[in-house]
Amino acid sequence: MNIFGQPYFLQFCVPLIAVGASVFLKYVTRNDAHRSFRKEDLAVGLDVSVTALLIFITAGSKMAAQLATTPQDMALQSKLSGAPWIIAAFTIGIWGVSTLVRKAGWDGEDQLKPLWGIAVPDIFGISSLLLVVNWIS
């Protein structure tokens, strides 16, 4: 049984692994003088959404190359026809969420608010990653 190819793994475990790796990397790369875990370490949503955008662009370019060899593949044409709109939505979404965090997500000089600074960007990032994983498969 190939667990890594199962839709459950791709749609649930891959985003969780990506978020866990991002949190871990934020924690371990901090200066040793500030080693304790902070709630800001959980603010990985925008990082995950940029990763999702790069995965989307990579998969889209592979599909475009495949379409060049089989131009009569209507399913592939249909799937790729929405790619520019998805990239535009990603760009506007990342820009909008980063603006939201900048305007409403900070509580003081270096503290993020739990909802607007951490939860909303994380939900956006995980949703973006799930969208890309579903689009690829």
C-alpha atoms as a PDB file:
ATOM      1  CA  MET A   1       0.000   0.000   0.000  1.00  0.00           C
ATOM      2  CA  ASN A   2       1.426   3.348  -1.076  1.00  0.00           C
ATOM      3  CA  ILE A   3       0.493   5.726   1.743  1.00  0.00           C
ATOM      4  CA  PHE A   4       2.285   8.703   0.166  1.00  0.00           C
ATOM      5  CA  GLY A   5       0.080   8.620  -2.925  1.00  0.00           C
ATOM      6  CA  GLN A   6      -3.210   8.533  -1.049  1.00  0.00           C
ATOM      7  CA  PRO A   7      -5.436  11.623  -1.312  1.00  0.00           C
ATOM      8  CA  TYR A   8      -5.732  11.760   2.490  1.00  0.00           C
ATOM      9  CA  PHE A   9      -1.972  12.049   2.829  1.00  0.00           C
ATOM     10  CA  LEU A  10      -1.712  14.675   0.084  1.00  0.00           C
ATOM     11  CA  GLN A  11      -4.606  16.789   1.334  1.00  0.00           C
ATOM     12  CA  PHE A  12      -4.117  16.517   5.079  1.00  0.00           C
ATOM     13  CA  CYS A  13      -0.618  15.382   6.001  1.00  0.00           C
ATOM     14  CA  VAL A  14       1.357  17.424   3.464  1.00  0.00           C
ATOM     15  CA  PRO A  15      -0.035  20.761   4.734  1.00  0.00           C
ATOM     16  CA  LEU A  16       0.497  19.695   8.343  1.00  0.00           C
ATOM     17  CA  ILE A  17       4.076  18.646   7.635  1.00  0.00           C
ATOM     18  CA  ALA A  18       4.712  21.970   5.867  1.00  0.00           C
ATOM     19  CA  VAL A  19       3.308  23.969   8.784  1.00  0.00           C
ATOM     20  CA  GLY A  20       5.201  21.879  11.343  1.00  0.00           C
ATOM     21  CA  ALA A  21       8.461  22.293   9.443  1.00  0.00           C
ATOM     22  CA  SER A  22       7.942  26.059   9.211  1.00  0.00           C
ATOM     23  CA  VAL A  23       7.271  26.392  12.944  1.00  0.00           C
ATOM     24  CA  PHE A  24      10.276  24.219  13.749  1.00  0.00           C
ATOM     25  CA  LEU A  25      12.562  26.247  11.466  1.00  0.00           C
ATOM     26  CA  LYS A  26      11.427  29.537  12.992  1.00  0.00           C
ATOM     27  CA  TYR A  27      12.182  28.195  16.455  1.00  0.00           C
ATOM     28  CA  VAL A  28      15.603  26.652  15.749  1.00  0.00           C
ATOM     29  CA  THR A  29      16.940  29.599  13.736  1.00  0.00           C
ATOM     30  CA  ARG A  30      16.322  32.135  16.502  1.00  0.00           C
ATOM     31  CA  ASN A  31      19.254  33.675  18.316  1.00  0.00           C
ATOM     32  CA  ASP A  32      20.325  31.532  21.289  1.00  0.00           C
ATOM     33  CA  ALA A  33      19.752  34.462  23.640  1.00  0.00           C
ATOM     34  CA  HIS A  34      16.009  34.320  22.755  1.00  0.00           C
ATOM     35  CA  ARG A  35      15.537  30.560  22.687  1.00  0.00           C
ATOM     36  CA  SER A  36      12.087  30.185  24.285  1.00  0.00           C
ATOM     37  CA  PHE A  37       9.103  29.335  22.120  1.00  0.00           C
ATOM     38  CA  ARG A  38       6.921  32.347  21.271  1.00  0.00           C
ATOM     39  CA  LYS A  39       3.448  32.544  19.788  1.00  0.00           C
ATOM     40  CA  GLU A  40       4.991  34.373  16.811  1.00  0.00           C
ATOM     41  CA  ASP A  41       6.634  31.069  15.861  1.00  0.00           C
ATOM     42  CA  LEU A  42       3.170  29.896  14.817  1.00  0.00           C
ATOM     43  CA  ALA A  43       2.826  32.720  12.273  1.00  0.00           C
ATOM     44  CA  VAL A  44       3.766  30.693   9.197  1.00  0.00           C
ATOM     45  CA  GLY A  45       0.725  31.304   7.003  1.00  0.00           C
ATOM     46  CA  LEU A  46       2.329  33.676   4.537  1.00  0.00           C
ATOM     47  CA  ASP A  47       5.390  31.425   4.204  1.00  0.00           C
ATOM     48  CA  VAL A  48       3.149  28.458   3.476  1.00  0.00           C
ATOM     49  CA  SER A  49       1.110  30.442   0.936  1.00  0.00           C
ATOM     50  CA  VAL A  50       4.256  31.489  -0.952  1.00  0.00           C
ATOM     51  CA  THR A  51       5.349  27.841  -0.947  1.00  0.00           C
ATOM     52  CA  ALA A  52       1.936  26.877  -2.312  1.00  0.00           C
ATOM     53  CA  LEU A  53       2.284  29.489  -5.058  1.00  0.00           C
ATOM     54  CA  LEU A  54       5.692  28.110  -6.063  1.00  0.00           C
ATOM     55  CA  ILE A  55       4.320  24.551  -6.099  1.00  0.00           C
ATOM     56  CA  PHE A  56       1.428  25.767  -8.260  1.00  0.00           C
ATOM     57  CA  ILE A  57       3.717  27.510 -10.745  1.00  0.00           C
ATOM     58  CA  THR A  58       6.005  24.475 -10.959  1.00  0.00           C
ATOM     59  CA  ALA A  59       3.117  22.059 -11.518  1.00  0.00           C
ATOM     60  CA  GLY A  60       1.536  24.442 -14.021  1.00  0.00           C
ATOM     61  CA  SER A  61       4.727  24.677 -16.042  1.00  0.00           C
ATOM     62  CA  LYS A  62       5.016  20.879 -16.120  1.00  0.00           C
ATOM     63  CA  MET A  63       1.408  20.653 -17.316  1.00  0.00           C
ATOM     64  CA  ALA A  64       2.069  23.311 -19.972  1.00  0.00           C
ATOM     65  CA  ALA A  65       5.053  21.311 -21.225  1.00  0.00           C
ATOM     66  CA  GLN A  66       2.877  18.212 -21.324  1.00  0.00           C
ATOM     67  CA  LEU A  67       0.208  20.147 -23.233  1.00  0.00           C
ATOM     68  CA  ALA A  68       2.803  21.182 -25.813  1.00  0.00           C
ATOM     69  CA  THR A  69       3.362  17.511 -26.649  1.00  0.00           C
ATOM     70  CA  THR A  70      -0.360  16.607 -26.629  1.00  0.00           C
ATOM     71  CA  PRO A  71      -2.256  19.774 -27.655  1.00  0.00           C
ATOM     72  CA  GLN A  72      -5.539  17.904 -28.127  1.00  0.00           C
ATOM     73  CA  ASP A  73      -5.840  17.032 -24.416  1.00  0.00           C
ATOM     74  CA  MET A  74      -8.991  18.984 -23.568  1.00  0.00           C
ATOM     75  CA  ALA A  75      -8.921  18.149 -19.850  1.00  0.00           C
ATOM     76  CA  LEU A  76      -5.417  19.572 -19.521  1.00  0.00           C
ATOM     77  CA  GLN A  77      -6.374  22.641 -21.573  1.00  0.00           C
ATOM     78  CA  SER A  78      -9.360  23.197 -19.329  1.00  0.00           C
ATOM     79  CA  LYS A  79      -7.276  22.862 -16.180  1.00  0.00           C
ATOM     80  CA  LEU A  80      -4.556  25.230 -17.402  1.00  0.00           C
ATOM     81  CA  SER A  81      -7.010  27.841 -18.669  1.00  0.00           C
ATOM     82  CA  GLY A  82      -7.689  28.991 -15.119  1.00  0.00           C
ATOM     83  CA  ALA A  83      -4.035  29.110 -14.056  1.00  0.00           C
ATOM     84  CA  PRO A  84      -3.512  32.851 -14.750  1.00  0.00           C
ATOM     85  CA  TRP A  85      -6.571  33.678 -12.644  1.00  0.00           C
ATOM     86  CA  ILE A  86      -5.348  31.465  -9.818  1.00  0.00           C
ATOM     87  CA  ILE A  87      -1.918  33.131  -9.885  1.00  0.00           C
ATOM     88  CA  ALA A  88      -3.604  36.551  -9.814  1.00  0.00           C
ATOM     89  CA  ALA A  89      -5.781  35.442  -6.877  1.00  0.00           C
ATOM     90  CA  PHE A  90      -2.694  34.179  -5.044  1.00  0.00           C
ATOM     91  CA  THR A  91      -0.895  37.475  -5.608  1.00  0.00           C
ATOM     92  CA  ILE A  92      -3.845  39.548  -4.406  1.00  0.00           C
ATOM     93  CA  GLY A  93      -4.440  37.189  -1.477  1.00  0.00           C
ATOM     94  CA  ILE A  94      -0.831  37.248  -0.271  1.00  0.00           C
ATOM     95  CA  TRP A  95      -0.709  41.008  -0.667  1.00  0.00           C
ATOM     96  CA  GLY A  96      -4.039  41.440   1.140  1.00  0.00           C
ATOM     97  CA  VAL A  97      -3.163  39.160   4.048  1.00  0.00           C
ATOM     98  CA  SER A  98       0.246  40.788   4.497  1.00  0.00           C
ATOM     99  CA  THR A  99      -1.447  44.204   4.532  1.00  0.00           C
ATOM    100  CA  LEU A 100      -3.980  42.927   7.066  1.00  0.00           C
ATOM    101  CA  VAL A 101      -1.187  41.678   9.326  1.00  0.00           C
ATOM    102  CA  ARG A 102       0.696  44.957   8.984  1.00  0.00           C
ATOM    103  CA  LYS A 103      -2.378  47.109   9.755  1.00  0.00           C
ATOM    104  CA  ALA A 104      -4.322  44.991  12.293  1.00  0.00           C
ATOM    105  CA  GLY A 105      -2.091  42.115  13.307  1.00  0.00           C
ATOM    106  CA  TRP A 106       0.445  43.760  15.578  1.00  0.00           C
ATOM    107  CA  ASP A 107      -0.015  44.317  19.288  1.00  0.00           C
ATOM    108  CA  GLY A 108       2.940  46.476  20.203  1.00  0.00           C
ATOM    109  CA  GLU A 109       6.417  46.519  18.719  1.00  0.00           C
ATOM    110  CA  ASP A 110       7.113  42.783  18.445  1.00  0.00           C
ATOM    111  CA  GLN A 111       3.944  40.948  19.494  1.00  0.00           C
ATOM    112  CA  LEU A 112       1.438  39.563  16.999  1.00  0.00           C
ATOM    113  CA  LYS A 113      -2.265  39.461  17.815  1.00  0.00           C
ATOM    114  CA  PRO A 114      -3.512  35.863  17.956  1.00  0.00           C
ATOM    115  CA  LEU A 115      -6.377  36.344  15.476  1.00  0.00           C
ATOM    116  CA  TRP A 116      -5.261  38.883  12.866  1.00  0.00           C
ATOM    117  CA  GLY A 117      -1.537  38.298  13.156  1.00  0.00           C
ATOM    118  CA  ILE A 118      -1.400  34.519  13.453  1.00  0.00           C
ATOM    119  CA  ALA A 119      -4.694  32.656  12.885  1.00  0.00           C
ATOM    120  CA  VAL A 120      -5.966  34.443   9.769  1.00  0.00           C
ATOM    121  CA  PRO A 121      -2.643  34.208   7.863  1.00  0.00           C
ATOM    122  CA  ASP A 122      -2.245  30.558   8.921  1.00  0.00           C
ATOM    123  CA  ILE A 123      -5.752  29.704   7.703  1.00  0.00           C
ATOM    124  CA  PHE A 124      -5.012  31.486   4.429  1.00  0.00           C
ATOM    125  CA  GLY A 125      -1.716  29.621   4.019  1.00  0.00           C
ATOM    126  CA  ILE A 126      -3.146  26.169   4.761  1.00  0.00           C
ATOM    127  CA  SER A 127      -6.155  26.854   2.516  1.00  0.00           C
ATOM    128  CA  SER A 128      -3.814  27.927  -0.285  1.00  0.00           C
ATOM    129  CA  LEU A 129      -1.760  24.787   0.092  1.00  0.00           C
ATOM    130  CA  LEU A 130      -4.868  22.593   0.092  1.00  0.00           C
ATOM    131  CA  LEU A 131      -6.129  24.359  -3.041  1.00  0.00           C
ATOM    132  CA  VAL A 132      -2.851  23.699  -4.842  1.00  0.00           C
ATOM    133  CA  VAL A 133      -2.679  20.064  -3.748  1.00  0.00           C
ATOM    134  CA  ASN A 134      -6.231  19.514  -4.993  1.00  0.00           C
ATOM    135  CA  TRP A 135      -5.519  21.336  -8.260  1.00  0.00           C
ATOM    136  CA  ILE A 136      -2.449  19.215  -8.955  1.00  0.00           C
ATOM    137  CA  SER A 137      -4.184  15.887  -8.344  1.00  0.00           C
END
